[in-house]
Amino acid sequence: MTTYDTDVVVVGAGPVGLTLANLIGVRGHRVTVLEARHELIDYPRGVGLDDESVRTLCTAGLWQQIQPYTVPHHVVRLVNGEGRVLATNDPGTQEFGHPRKHGFIQPLVDRELAAGLGRFPGAALRFGHRVVGLHDHGDHVTVTAERLDAAGEPAGTVTVTARYAVGCEGGSSFTRKWMGVGFEGRSPSTRWVVIDVENDPVGTPSVYLGADPRRPYVSIGLPQGVRRWEFMLHDDEPTERVDDPAFVHALLARHVPDPAALTVINQRTFTHHGRVAADFRKGRVFLAGDAAHLMPVWLGQGWNSGIRDATNLAWKLTAVLAGDAGDALLDTYTPERRKHACDMIDVNMAAGTVMKMGRFAGRLRDASAAALNLVPKWKSYFTELRFKPMPRYDSGVVADQATLTPGRARPGFKHGRLAPFTDSAGRLSPVGLQFIQPRVNTATATGVLLDEVTGAWWTLATWGTDPTAFLSPADLALVRRHRVRLVSFMPETQRAWAEERYAASPAPVTVVGDPDGVLKNWFDVRACGLVILRPDRFVAAASLTQQASRALAAVVRAASLTTEGDGR
């Protein structure tokens, strides 16, 4: 029998690899991270962290350590060459429990992600290990790495045996090349220079996207008094020109009175890319983050898209490692994540086009923006970030709401005779969307975020009723087998009654009080009474409460979950 050195080998100690490793570790499995560098990258890259990523960092048990390196509620303003605001992106919603957007300092966040691995006896982070070989044996993988000395020269090799391997080593990924999958898309030739300075000389918080025909730019207020500028380089400006202080001072002169007095802490040149791998899986080898997709930086979604990959893949890998699911669960990773990555690339490319318009097109854009701002519905499209495609899984670990057919879900549905509360167009099904996270009350806690109550594994929740009412003894056995938390959402006025009443239920039920009516409204407008939430808090199934047994069976099939005595 094969002896495994670890359960999962992660190639690359960037934010995605480190997040994935922490999520594997927090669920009790072994993980080894191999990184070619001798230390973490110390220069800032990503600057935008969204509420979905915060939710993942909470699951990893690291948000308290990371929060001091963030600024919540980042507002983004698109301005033209004269400084007039064309559109404001100011999403006030906190439907997932946290402000929608945060500014952050990536090296400091990465440092906390790396330190987090020290909590787990089965986790290892090995610097100076450059992966040069990979072999999938069918039932396990072996990864060969060169050990590099302080000068970066090979000083021997090491081979690690694992159940699975995940490439998170960036756009030039060795793992992706080994897989032999295409890296589709395009890389515009536009180059940008990034300049970070300390003791912010501007002082205004948040973000300005400067759609200036003369030279597009970005100006961002970051934590710890850092100001970031990004300036587009014209085609006739060689990259080497940014090494000339006079050129850099000229770039900054329109933004600060005395560019020469600034303390520059980081300066780099980069090119935008928009590419996605044709497949994120080959046998026991996977891709995540920049190894799987590259996207322009306009909406700050490169970092966050990688964290979504880690979130999606981590629970599936750990379910299979624990014997809770069959290998087919891992086949759902690519269809669930690849489409959303493509959508994010498209919207980022479109944002870049708006930013880089010339003088004539820019005047048309400005006029159009002025008109759009006069219409509240159109204005809210920008203000509330509705143009950003939220992850929605219409295939994979989902069950269609109308038919409870596993593996496929339609965005819209009609209940027909099962429920009269439908409109002519049908309602938007919540299946495949991330569930909300309001503050709730329980018998032991007041005003806590919902995830703290439901936990980070499976949840079956009903509104206003006992979730065991329509579950058979066999269903309850499955609930125990897969550690499904049974939850009853209640108006706060009914919580005490429900706690007393459901104490005699055939399985433990957590009663959750809804003090502000947020959960009540969520169920009301979707005309369902039951949801099954996946470990990543996406809705796997939604149904009437009497359909509980069918909904559970559909999710078991969609996720290839094991059952008692099935031999797996």
Protein backbone atom coordinates (compact mmCIF):
# COMPACT_ATOMS: atom_id res chain seq x y z
CA MET A 1 0.00 0.00 0.00
CA THR A 2 1.16 3.54 -0.76
CA THR A 3 2.33 5.58 2.21
CA TYR A 4 1.37 9.21 1.74
CA ASP A 5 3.65 11.99 2.96
CA THR A 6 0.65 14.29 2.95
CA ASP A 7 -2.93 14.43 1.71
CA VAL A 8 -2.60 17.41 -0.64
CA VAL A 9 0.46 19.06 -2.19
CA VAL A 10 -0.09 22.74 -2.99
CA VAL A 11 2.38 24.24 -5.47
CA GLY A 12 2.89 27.94 -4.77
CA ALA A 13 2.72 29.99 -1.56
CA GLY A 14 0.71 32.89 -2.91
CA PRO A 15 -2.59 33.92 -1.32
CA VAL A 16 -4.59 31.22 -3.12
CA GLY A 17 -2.25 28.38 -2.22
CA LEU A 18 -1.97 29.54 1.38
CA THR A 19 -5.74 29.99 1.73
CA LEU A 20 -6.39 26.56 0.25
CA ALA A 21 -3.83 25.02 2.62
CA ASN A 22 -5.45 26.69 5.64
CA LEU A 23 -8.92 25.47 4.62
CA ILE A 24 -7.58 21.93 4.26
CA GLY A 25 -5.80 22.17 7.60
CA VAL A 26 -8.76 23.60 9.49
CA ARG A 27 -10.79 20.57 8.38
CA GLY A 28 -8.24 18.17 9.82
CA HIS A 29 -6.28 17.01 6.77
CA ARG A 30 -2.57 17.14 5.97
CA VAL A 31 -1.18 19.60 3.46
CA THR A 32 2.28 20.54 2.16
CA VAL A 33 2.97 23.81 0.34
CA LEU A 34 6.01 23.95 -1.97
CA GLU A 35 7.30 27.41 -2.91
CA ALA A 36 10.27 28.13 -5.21
CA ARG A 37 11.07 31.45 -3.52
CA HIS A 38 12.92 31.60 -0.21
CA GLU A 39 10.32 33.93 1.28
CA LEU A 40 6.91 35.40 0.58
CA ILE A 41 6.65 38.13 -2.04
CA ASP A 42 7.12 41.39 -0.13
CA TYR A 43 5.81 43.93 -2.64
CA PRO A 44 2.10 44.87 -2.83
CA ARG A 45 0.03 43.39 -5.64
CA GLY A 46 -3.68 43.03 -4.96
CA VAL A 47 -5.39 45.89 -3.12
CA GLY A 48 -9.09 44.89 -3.11
CA LEU A 49 -10.70 42.27 -0.85
CA ASP A 50 -14.44 41.58 -1.07
CA ASP A 51 -17.06 40.27 1.34
CA GLU A 52 -17.04 36.75 -0.09
CA SER A 53 -13.32 36.48 0.62
CA VAL A 54 -13.81 37.78 4.15
CA ARG A 55 -16.34 35.01 4.70
CA THR A 56 -13.72 32.46 3.58
CA LEU A 57 -11.07 33.98 5.86
CA CYS A 58 -13.51 33.64 8.74
CA THR A 59 -13.95 29.96 7.87
CA ALA A 60 -10.17 29.58 7.91
CA GLY A 61 -10.12 31.16 11.38
CA LEU A 62 -7.86 34.02 10.27
CA TRP A 63 -10.07 37.09 9.84
CA GLN A 64 -9.21 38.56 13.25
CA GLN A 65 -5.52 38.43 12.39
CA ILE A 66 -6.02 39.88 8.89
CA GLN A 67 -8.62 42.58 9.62
CA PRO A 68 -6.06 45.12 10.98
CA TYR A 69 -4.48 45.24 7.50
CA THR A 70 -7.71 46.26 5.78
CA VAL A 71 -9.88 49.34 5.29
CA PRO A 72 -13.59 48.50 5.02
CA HIS A 73 -16.13 50.01 2.67
CA HIS A 74 -13.93 51.11 -0.21
CA VAL A 75 -15.84 53.44 -2.55
CA VAL A 76 -14.81 53.60 -6.22
CA ARG A 77 -15.40 56.69 -8.35
CA LEU A 78 -14.92 56.78 -12.11
CA VAL A 79 -13.79 60.29 -13.08
CA ASN A 80 -13.02 61.85 -16.46
CA GLY A 81 -10.03 63.95 -17.48
CA GLU A 82 -11.44 67.03 -15.75
CA GLY A 83 -12.06 65.16 -12.50
CA ARG A 84 -15.86 65.04 -12.92
CA VAL A 85 -17.41 61.94 -11.37
CA LEU A 86 -19.03 59.80 -14.06
CA ALA A 87 -20.14 56.93 -11.83
CA THR A 88 -19.82 55.99 -8.18
CA ASN A 89 -19.56 52.42 -6.99
CA ASP A 90 -20.69 52.54 -3.35
CA PRO A 91 -22.43 49.27 -2.42
CA GLY A 92 -23.88 49.78 1.05
CA THR A 93 -25.24 46.24 1.33
CA GLN A 94 -23.78 43.75 3.78
CA GLU A 95 -25.84 40.76 2.71
CA PHE A 96 -22.93 38.38 3.35
CA GLY A 97 -22.21 39.83 6.79
CA HIS A 98 -19.38 42.22 5.91
CA PRO A 99 -18.85 45.41 3.87
CA ARG A 100 -18.81 44.60 0.17
CA LYS A 101 -15.30 45.95 -0.51
CA HIS A 102 -12.11 46.44 1.50
CA GLY A 103 -8.72 47.89 0.69
CA PHE A 104 -5.82 45.81 2.00
CA ILE A 105 -2.05 45.41 2.08
CA GLN A 106 -1.35 42.06 0.43
CA PRO A 107 2.13 41.22 1.82
CA LEU A 108 0.84 41.62 5.38
CA VAL A 109 -2.23 39.49 4.64
CA ASP A 110 -0.09 36.82 2.97
CA ARG A 111 2.12 36.77 6.06
CA GLU A 112 -0.87 35.96 8.27
CA LEU A 113 -2.01 33.25 5.86
CA ALA A 114 1.44 31.65 6.06
CA ALA A 115 1.56 31.94 9.85
CA GLY A 116 -1.87 30.32 10.05
CA LEU A 117 -0.45 27.02 8.84
CA GLY A 118 1.52 26.79 12.08
CA ARG A 119 -1.73 25.87 13.85
CA PHE A 120 -1.87 22.47 12.17
CA PRO A 121 0.57 19.64 12.99
CA GLY A 122 -0.08 18.12 9.56
CA ALA A 123 0.73 21.30 7.59
CA ALA A 124 4.14 22.22 6.16
CA LEU A 125 5.35 25.24 4.19
CA ARG A 126 8.61 24.56 2.36
CA PHE A 127 10.39 27.51 0.79
CA GLY A 128 13.18 27.05 -1.74
CA HIS A 129 11.43 24.07 -3.38
CA ARG A 130 10.91 24.49 -7.13
CA VAL A 131 8.60 21.86 -8.59
CA VAL A 132 10.13 20.19 -11.65
CA GLY A 133 8.19 16.93 -11.91
CA LEU A 134 4.70 15.62 -11.43
CA HIS A 135 3.25 12.14 -11.91
CA ASP A 136 -0.34 10.96 -11.49
CA HIS A 137 -0.31 7.26 -10.55
CA GLY A 138 -4.11 6.92 -10.65
CA ASP A 139 -4.54 6.44 -6.90
CA HIS A 140 -1.97 9.03 -5.78
CA VAL A 141 0.46 11.65 -7.10
CA THR A 142 4.16 12.24 -6.68
CA VAL A 143 5.61 15.73 -6.92
CA THR A 144 9.35 16.24 -7.40
CA ALA A 145 10.98 19.51 -6.39
CA GLU A 146 14.49 20.88 -6.60
CA ARG A 147 15.77 22.21 -3.31
CA LEU A 148 17.35 25.59 -4.01
CA ASP A 149 20.23 27.06 -2.04
CA ALA A 150 20.43 30.70 -0.99
CA ALA A 151 21.76 31.64 -4.45
CA GLY A 152 18.87 29.90 -6.17
CA GLU A 153 20.98 26.99 -7.39
CA PRO A 154 19.75 23.37 -7.20
CA ALA A 155 21.00 21.52 -4.13
CA GLY A 156 19.29 18.16 -4.50
CA THR A 157 15.73 16.97 -5.08
CA VAL A 158 12.85 15.82 -2.90
CA THR A 159 9.75 13.83 -3.87
CA VAL A 160 6.47 14.21 -2.03
CA THR A 161 3.72 11.58 -2.25
CA ALA A 162 0.13 12.75 -1.82
CA ARG A 163 -3.45 11.94 -2.65
CA TYR A 164 -3.90 15.14 -4.72
CA ALA A 165 -1.90 18.09 -6.06
CA VAL A 166 -3.06 21.65 -6.74
CA GLY A 167 -1.11 24.16 -8.84
CA CYS A 168 -1.37 27.70 -7.44
CA GLU A 169 1.93 29.01 -8.78
CA GLY A 170 0.69 31.84 -10.99
CA GLY A 171 0.34 32.58 -14.68
CA SER A 172 3.48 30.68 -15.75
CA SER A 173 2.26 27.60 -13.87
CA PHE A 174 4.36 24.45 -14.25
CA THR A 175 1.30 22.46 -13.19
CA ARG A 176 -0.89 23.85 -15.99
CA LYS A 177 1.79 23.14 -18.56
CA TRP A 178 2.14 19.60 -17.22
CA MET A 179 -1.63 19.16 -17.57
CA GLY A 180 -1.37 20.20 -21.22
CA VAL A 181 -4.52 22.35 -21.15
CA GLY A 182 -4.95 25.49 -23.22
CA PHE A 183 -4.69 28.95 -21.66
CA GLU A 184 -7.30 30.76 -23.71
CA GLY A 185 -7.80 34.51 -24.03
CA ARG A 186 -5.71 37.53 -24.82
CA SER A 187 -3.09 39.75 -23.27
CA PRO A 188 -3.47 43.39 -24.35
CA SER A 189 -0.13 45.08 -24.91
CA THR A 190 -1.03 47.96 -22.60
CA ARG A 191 1.55 48.41 -19.83
CA TRP A 192 1.00 50.11 -16.50
CA VAL A 193 3.37 51.37 -13.84
CA VAL A 194 2.42 50.95 -10.17
CA ILE A 195 3.76 53.44 -7.63
CA ASP A 196 3.13 53.02 -3.90
CA VAL A 197 4.11 55.76 -1.47
CA GLU A 198 3.92 56.05 2.30
CA ASN A 199 2.45 58.95 4.29
CA ASP A 200 -0.36 59.42 1.77
CA PRO A 201 0.18 62.92 0.32
CA VAL A 202 -3.42 63.12 -0.93
CA GLY A 203 -5.28 61.85 2.12
CA THR A 204 -8.63 61.21 0.46
CA PRO A 205 -9.87 57.69 1.18
CA SER A 206 -11.18 55.12 -1.29
CA VAL A 207 -10.49 54.77 -5.03
CA TYR A 208 -10.50 56.96 -8.14
CA LEU A 209 -10.43 55.45 -11.62
CA GLY A 210 -9.18 58.23 -13.87
CA ALA A 211 -10.60 57.79 -17.37
CA ASP A 212 -8.35 60.56 -18.64
CA PRO A 213 -7.77 60.44 -22.43
CA ARG A 214 -4.33 61.96 -21.92
CA ARG A 215 -3.23 59.16 -19.59
CA PRO A 216 -5.61 56.84 -17.71
CA TYR A 217 -4.71 56.35 -14.05
CA VAL A 218 -5.86 54.83 -10.78
CA SER A 219 -5.47 56.46 -7.35
CA ILE A 220 -6.15 54.34 -4.25
CA GLY A 221 -6.06 55.06 -0.53
CA LEU A 222 -4.81 51.97 1.33
CA PRO A 223 -4.28 50.95 4.97
CA GLN A 224 -1.34 52.22 7.02
CA GLY A 225 -1.21 55.53 5.14
CA VAL A 226 -0.23 54.04 1.78
CA ARG A 227 -1.30 55.70 -1.49
CA ARG A 228 -1.17 53.71 -4.72
CA TRP A 229 -1.12 55.19 -8.22
CA GLU A 230 -1.26 53.22 -11.44
CA PHE A 231 -0.51 55.01 -14.73
CA MET A 232 -0.90 53.67 -18.25
CA LEU A 233 2.21 53.79 -20.40
CA HIS A 234 1.76 54.84 -24.02
CA ASP A 235 2.98 52.59 -26.80
CA ASP A 236 5.89 54.91 -27.65
CA GLU A 237 7.14 54.98 -24.04
CA PRO A 238 9.69 52.23 -23.37
CA THR A 239 9.32 50.37 -20.10
CA GLU A 240 12.81 51.48 -19.06
CA ARG A 241 11.60 55.06 -18.94
CA VAL A 242 9.92 54.45 -15.57
CA ASP A 243 13.41 54.10 -14.06
CA ASP A 244 13.93 57.82 -14.66
CA PRO A 245 12.84 59.77 -11.54
CA ALA A 246 12.01 62.80 -13.69
CA PHE A 247 9.50 60.73 -15.69
CA VAL A 248 7.88 59.37 -12.53
CA HIS A 249 7.71 62.87 -11.03
CA ALA A 250 5.99 64.08 -14.20
CA LEU A 251 3.38 61.33 -13.84
CA LEU A 252 2.66 62.38 -10.27
CA ALA A 253 2.80 66.13 -10.83
CA ARG A 254 -0.92 66.39 -11.74
CA HIS A 255 -1.83 64.70 -8.42
CA VAL A 256 0.48 66.16 -5.74
CA PRO A 257 2.24 69.49 -5.33
CA ASP A 258 5.75 68.10 -4.75
CA PRO A 259 6.41 64.65 -6.27
CA ALA A 260 10.10 64.77 -5.35
CA ALA A 261 9.23 64.83 -1.65
CA LEU A 262 7.36 61.49 -1.77
CA THR A 263 8.75 58.30 -0.23
CA VAL A 264 8.26 55.56 -2.80
CA ILE A 265 8.01 52.08 -1.22
CA ASN A 266 7.17 50.10 -4.36
CA GLN A 267 7.38 50.68 -8.09
CA ARG A 268 6.72 48.03 -10.72
CA THR A 269 5.51 47.71 -14.31
CA PHE A 270 2.92 45.14 -15.38
CA THR A 271 0.74 44.15 -18.32
CA HIS A 272 -2.93 43.19 -18.06
CA HIS A 273 -3.95 39.69 -19.06
CA GLY A 274 -7.31 38.03 -19.68
CA ARG A 275 -6.85 34.26 -19.91
CA VAL A 276 -8.50 31.11 -18.57
CA ALA A 277 -7.42 27.46 -18.61
CA ALA A 278 -9.53 25.10 -20.70
CA ASP A 279 -9.89 22.75 -17.72
CA PHE A 280 -9.09 23.09 -14.00
CA ARG A 281 -8.66 19.34 -13.40
CA LYS A 282 -6.70 16.45 -14.85
CA GLY A 283 -7.03 13.28 -12.79
CA ARG A 284 -5.69 14.01 -9.31
CA VAL A 285 -4.19 17.37 -10.29
CA PHE A 286 -6.00 20.73 -10.11
CA LEU A 287 -5.44 24.41 -10.86
CA ALA A 288 -6.49 27.42 -8.80
CA GLY A 289 -5.93 31.18 -8.85
CA ASP A 290 -3.70 32.75 -11.50
CA ALA A 291 -2.59 29.29 -12.64
CA ALA A 292 -6.21 28.77 -13.76
CA HIS A 293 -7.12 32.31 -14.86
CA LEU A 294 -5.62 35.77 -15.27
CA MET A 295 -7.71 38.91 -15.34
CA PRO A 296 -7.14 42.66 -15.55
CA VAL A 297 -7.08 44.52 -12.25
CA TRP A 298 -9.88 47.04 -12.86
CA LEU A 299 -12.43 45.63 -10.43
CA GLY A 300 -9.91 44.15 -8.01
CA GLN A 301 -11.14 40.63 -8.68
CA GLY A 302 -7.97 38.70 -9.51
CA TRP A 303 -7.18 38.06 -5.84
CA ASN A 304 -10.81 37.40 -4.92
CA SER A 305 -11.45 35.06 -7.83
CA GLY A 306 -8.54 32.94 -6.68
CA ILE A 307 -9.92 32.83 -3.14
CA ARG A 308 -13.25 31.64 -4.58
CA ASP A 309 -11.38 28.81 -6.29
CA ALA A 310 -9.78 27.82 -2.99
CA THR A 311 -13.12 27.97 -1.19
CA ASN A 312 -14.83 25.78 -3.77
CA LEU A 313 -12.05 23.22 -4.10
CA ALA A 314 -11.17 22.93 -0.40
CA TRP A 315 -14.49 21.57 0.81
CA LYS A 316 -14.69 19.12 -2.07
CA LEU A 317 -11.16 17.78 -1.57
CA THR A 318 -11.67 17.40 2.17
CA ALA A 319 -15.05 15.67 1.67
CA VAL A 320 -13.41 13.09 -0.59
CA LEU A 321 -10.40 12.72 1.70
CA ALA A 322 -12.72 12.06 4.64
CA GLY A 323 -14.66 9.42 2.71
CA ASP A 324 -17.78 11.56 2.72
CA ALA A 325 -18.02 11.76 -1.07
CA GLY A 326 -16.92 9.94 -4.18
CA ASP A 327 -14.43 11.17 -6.76
CA ALA A 328 -17.25 12.49 -8.99
CA LEU A 329 -17.65 15.42 -6.59
CA LEU A 330 -14.29 16.75 -7.81
CA ASP A 331 -15.58 16.81 -11.38
CA THR A 332 -17.90 19.67 -10.37
CA TYR A 333 -14.98 22.03 -9.68
CA THR A 334 -14.28 23.10 -13.26
CA PRO A 335 -17.89 23.72 -14.39
CA GLU A 336 -18.67 25.64 -11.21
CA ARG A 337 -15.61 27.89 -11.22
CA ARG A 338 -14.55 28.25 -14.85
CA LYS A 339 -17.70 30.00 -16.10
CA HIS A 340 -17.57 32.62 -13.37
CA ALA A 341 -13.87 33.24 -14.03
CA CYS A 342 -14.71 33.84 -17.70
CA ASP A 343 -17.52 36.24 -16.72
CA MET A 344 -15.17 38.19 -14.46
CA ILE A 345 -12.56 38.46 -17.21
CA ASP A 346 -15.17 39.82 -19.62
CA VAL A 347 -16.43 42.51 -17.25
CA ASN A 348 -12.86 43.53 -16.34
CA MET A 349 -11.95 43.80 -20.02
CA ALA A 350 -15.02 45.98 -20.57
CA ALA A 351 -14.03 48.23 -17.66
CA GLY A 352 -10.58 48.62 -19.18
CA THR A 353 -12.12 49.69 -22.48
CA VAL A 354 -14.07 52.44 -20.70
CA MET A 355 -10.92 53.61 -18.95
CA LYS A 356 -8.76 53.83 -22.08
CA MET A 357 -11.08 55.74 -24.41
CA GLY A 358 -9.56 58.55 -26.47
CA ARG A 359 -10.76 62.15 -26.53
CA PHE A 360 -13.69 61.74 -28.96
CA ALA A 361 -14.95 58.47 -27.51
CA GLY A 362 -14.36 59.86 -24.05
CA ARG A 363 -16.71 62.79 -24.70
CA LEU A 364 -19.42 60.35 -25.81
CA ARG A 365 -18.79 58.25 -22.72
CA ASP A 366 -19.05 61.30 -20.43
CA ALA A 367 -22.32 62.37 -22.02
CA SER A 368 -23.74 58.87 -21.68
CA ALA A 369 -22.67 58.68 -18.04
CA ALA A 370 -24.41 61.98 -17.30
CA ALA A 371 -27.63 60.64 -18.83
CA LEU A 372 -27.39 57.34 -16.94
CA ASN A 373 -26.94 59.16 -13.63
CA LEU A 374 -30.33 60.83 -14.14
CA VAL A 375 -32.17 57.50 -14.06
CA PRO A 376 -32.22 55.98 -10.54
CA LYS A 377 -32.45 52.38 -11.76
CA TRP A 378 -29.47 52.80 -14.09
CA LYS A 379 -27.52 54.74 -11.49
CA SER A 380 -27.97 51.97 -8.93
CA TYR A 381 -26.55 49.51 -11.47
CA PHE A 382 -23.17 51.18 -10.88
CA THR A 383 -23.64 52.29 -7.28
CA GLU A 384 -24.55 48.83 -6.01
CA LEU A 385 -22.00 46.94 -8.13
CA ARG A 386 -24.70 45.08 -10.02
CA PHE A 387 -22.52 44.85 -13.09
CA LYS A 388 -20.19 42.50 -11.20
CA PRO A 389 -21.32 38.93 -11.94
CA MET A 390 -21.89 37.10 -8.68
CA PRO A 391 -20.95 33.43 -8.66
CA ARG A 392 -23.97 31.35 -9.63
CA TYR A 393 -23.66 27.61 -10.04
CA ASP A 394 -26.27 26.29 -12.45
CA SER A 395 -24.57 22.90 -12.65
CA GLY A 396 -22.59 20.79 -10.23
CA VAL A 397 -23.64 20.38 -6.61
CA VAL A 398 -27.11 21.84 -7.10
CA ALA A 399 -30.67 20.56 -7.50
CA ASP A 400 -33.25 22.24 -9.72
CA GLN A 401 -35.84 23.94 -7.53
CA ALA A 402 -38.85 23.08 -9.68
CA THR A 403 -38.05 19.40 -10.28
CA LEU A 404 -35.44 18.60 -7.58
CA THR A 405 -33.34 17.03 -10.32
CA PRO A 406 -29.70 16.79 -9.15
CA GLY A 407 -26.78 18.33 -10.99
CA ARG A 408 -28.58 21.10 -12.88
CA ALA A 409 -30.47 24.21 -11.81
CA ARG A 410 -32.38 26.81 -13.77
CA PRO A 411 -32.07 30.48 -12.75
CA GLY A 412 -35.85 30.96 -12.91
CA PHE A 413 -38.62 28.63 -11.80
CA LYS A 414 -42.39 28.31 -11.47
CA HIS A 415 -43.97 26.29 -8.72
CA GLY A 416 -47.19 25.74 -10.66
CA ARG A 417 -49.82 24.00 -8.59
CA LEU A 418 -47.42 23.37 -5.67
CA ALA A 419 -47.56 27.03 -4.67
CA PRO A 420 -49.79 29.80 -6.00
CA PHE A 421 -47.33 32.59 -5.24
CA THR A 422 -45.71 33.03 -8.64
CA ASP A 423 -45.61 35.96 -10.99
CA SER A 424 -45.94 35.78 -14.75
CA ALA A 425 -42.18 35.61 -15.29
CA GLY A 426 -41.49 33.09 -12.54
CA ARG A 427 -39.25 33.86 -9.57
CA LEU A 428 -35.50 33.89 -9.30
CA SER A 429 -34.40 30.61 -7.79
CA PRO A 430 -31.78 30.92 -5.01
CA VAL A 431 -30.22 27.59 -5.96
CA GLY A 432 -26.56 28.03 -6.87
CA LEU A 433 -26.28 31.43 -5.16
CA GLN A 434 -24.47 32.23 -1.94
CA PHE A 435 -26.78 32.36 1.08
CA ILE A 436 -27.09 35.57 3.05
CA GLN A 437 -25.50 36.15 6.44
CA PRO A 438 -27.49 38.44 8.74
CA ARG A 439 -26.98 38.80 12.47
CA VAL A 440 -29.14 36.41 14.47
CA ASN A 441 -29.95 35.28 18.02
CA THR A 442 -29.80 31.85 19.61
CA ALA A 443 -30.31 30.46 23.10
CA THR A 444 -26.65 31.17 23.87
CA ALA A 445 -25.72 34.17 21.69
CA THR A 446 -27.18 37.52 20.62
CA GLY A 447 -26.42 39.47 17.46
CA VAL A 448 -23.93 36.98 16.00
CA LEU A 449 -23.26 36.40 12.32
CA LEU A 450 -25.15 33.42 10.92
CA ASP A 451 -22.03 31.45 9.94
CA GLU A 452 -21.02 31.33 13.60
CA VAL A 453 -24.22 29.41 14.26
CA THR A 454 -24.51 27.14 11.24
CA GLY A 455 -20.80 26.28 11.05
CA ALA A 456 -18.82 25.53 7.91
CA TRP A 457 -20.23 22.21 6.74
CA TRP A 458 -23.67 21.11 5.51
CA THR A 459 -26.82 22.83 6.79
CA LEU A 460 -30.49 21.94 6.28
CA ALA A 461 -32.63 24.89 7.36
CA THR A 462 -36.34 25.62 7.35
CA TRP A 463 -38.32 28.76 7.98
CA GLY A 464 -40.72 28.62 10.94
CA THR A 465 -40.91 24.83 11.26
CA ASP A 466 -39.13 21.78 12.64
CA PRO A 467 -36.59 20.67 9.97
CA THR A 468 -37.03 17.03 11.05
CA ALA A 469 -40.79 17.02 10.41
CA PHE A 470 -40.59 15.53 6.90
CA LEU A 471 -37.34 13.57 7.22
CA SER A 472 -37.52 9.77 7.40
CA PRO A 473 -35.35 7.65 9.73
CA ALA A 474 -33.11 6.92 6.73
CA ASP A 475 -32.85 10.67 6.05
CA LEU A 476 -31.88 11.31 9.66
CA ALA A 477 -29.19 8.64 9.36
CA LEU A 478 -27.78 10.54 6.36
CA VAL A 479 -27.91 13.76 8.36
CA ARG A 480 -25.83 12.13 11.10
CA ARG A 481 -23.49 10.50 8.58
CA HIS A 482 -22.63 13.81 6.92
CA ARG A 483 -22.76 16.02 10.00
CA VAL A 484 -25.59 18.10 8.56
CA ARG A 485 -26.64 20.79 10.99
CA LEU A 486 -30.44 21.04 11.27
CA VAL A 487 -31.57 24.64 11.74
CA SER A 488 -34.94 26.27 12.23
CA PHE A 489 -35.12 29.98 11.38
CA MET A 490 -37.78 31.74 13.46
CA PRO A 491 -39.08 35.23 14.08
CA GLU A 492 -37.38 36.31 17.29
CA THR A 493 -40.82 36.41 18.91
CA GLN A 494 -41.19 32.65 18.31
CA ARG A 495 -37.69 31.52 19.27
CA ALA A 496 -38.39 30.58 22.90
CA TRP A 497 -41.45 28.55 21.86
CA ALA A 498 -39.49 26.71 19.18
CA GLU A 499 -36.58 25.93 21.51
CA GLU A 500 -38.95 24.26 23.95
CA ARG A 501 -41.01 22.52 21.27
CA TYR A 502 -38.11 21.17 19.19
CA ALA A 503 -36.16 19.87 22.18
CA ALA A 504 -38.08 16.60 21.65
CA SER A 505 -37.26 16.34 17.91
CA PRO A 506 -35.68 13.06 16.74
CA ALA A 507 -32.42 14.89 15.97
CA PRO A 508 -30.81 18.03 17.46
CA VAL A 509 -32.26 21.25 16.03
CA THR A 510 -30.60 24.66 16.36
CA VAL A 511 -33.24 27.38 16.64
CA VAL A 512 -32.15 30.71 15.17
CA GLY A 513 -34.01 33.92 15.91
CA ASP A 514 -34.41 36.43 13.07
CA PRO A 515 -34.59 39.77 14.94
CA ASP A 516 -34.71 42.06 11.91
CA GLY A 517 -36.84 40.03 9.50
CA VAL A 518 -33.98 39.58 7.02
CA LEU A 519 -34.31 35.80 6.83
CA LYS A 520 -38.11 36.00 6.72
CA ASN A 521 -37.95 38.31 3.71
CA TRP A 522 -35.38 36.05 1.98
CA PHE A 523 -37.68 33.02 2.18
CA ASP A 524 -40.79 35.07 1.41
CA VAL A 525 -39.66 36.51 -1.92
CA ARG A 526 -38.33 33.13 -3.09
CA ALA A 527 -41.45 31.17 -2.17
CA CYS A 528 -39.59 28.34 -0.48
CA GLY A 529 -39.51 27.05 3.08
CA LEU A 530 -36.38 24.90 3.09
CA VAL A 531 -32.78 25.26 1.93
CA ILE A 532 -29.80 22.94 1.99
CA LEU A 533 -26.54 24.87 2.22
CA ARG A 534 -23.21 23.49 1.04
CA PRO A 535 -20.04 23.83 3.13
CA ASP A 536 -19.16 26.93 1.08
CA ARG A 537 -22.57 28.46 2.00
CA PHE A 538 -23.99 28.23 -1.51
CA VAL A 539 -27.57 26.99 -1.82
CA ALA A 540 -27.53 23.39 -3.04
CA ALA A 541 -31.32 22.96 -2.93
CA ALA A 542 -34.44 24.96 -2.12
CA SER A 543 -37.93 23.52 -1.82
CA LEU A 544 -41.18 23.41 0.07
CA THR A 545 -40.75 21.97 3.55
CA GLN A 546 -42.75 18.85 2.67
CA GLN A 547 -40.18 18.10 -0.02
CA ALA A 548 -37.35 17.83 2.52
CA SER A 549 -36.67 14.15 1.84
CA ARG A 550 -36.56 14.64 -1.94
CA ALA A 551 -34.34 17.71 -1.64
CA LEU A 552 -31.88 15.84 0.58
CA ALA A 553 -31.79 12.86 -1.80
CA ALA A 554 -31.11 15.20 -4.75
CA VAL A 555 -28.19 16.84 -2.97
CA VAL A 556 -26.75 13.47 -1.96
CA ARG A 557 -26.73 12.45 -5.63
CA ALA A 558 -25.43 15.80 -6.91
CA ALA A 559 -22.52 15.76 -4.44
CA SER A 560 -21.82 12.03 -4.80
CA LEU A 561 -22.16 11.75 -1.01
CA THR A 562 -21.56 8.36 0.53
CA THR A 563 -24.26 6.45 2.38
CA GLU A 564 -24.05 3.92 5.16
CA GLY A 565 -22.84 0.55 3.89
CA ASP A 566 -22.06 1.68 0.33
CA GLY A 567 -18.49 0.43 0.66
CA ARG A 568 -16.77 3.75 -0.02
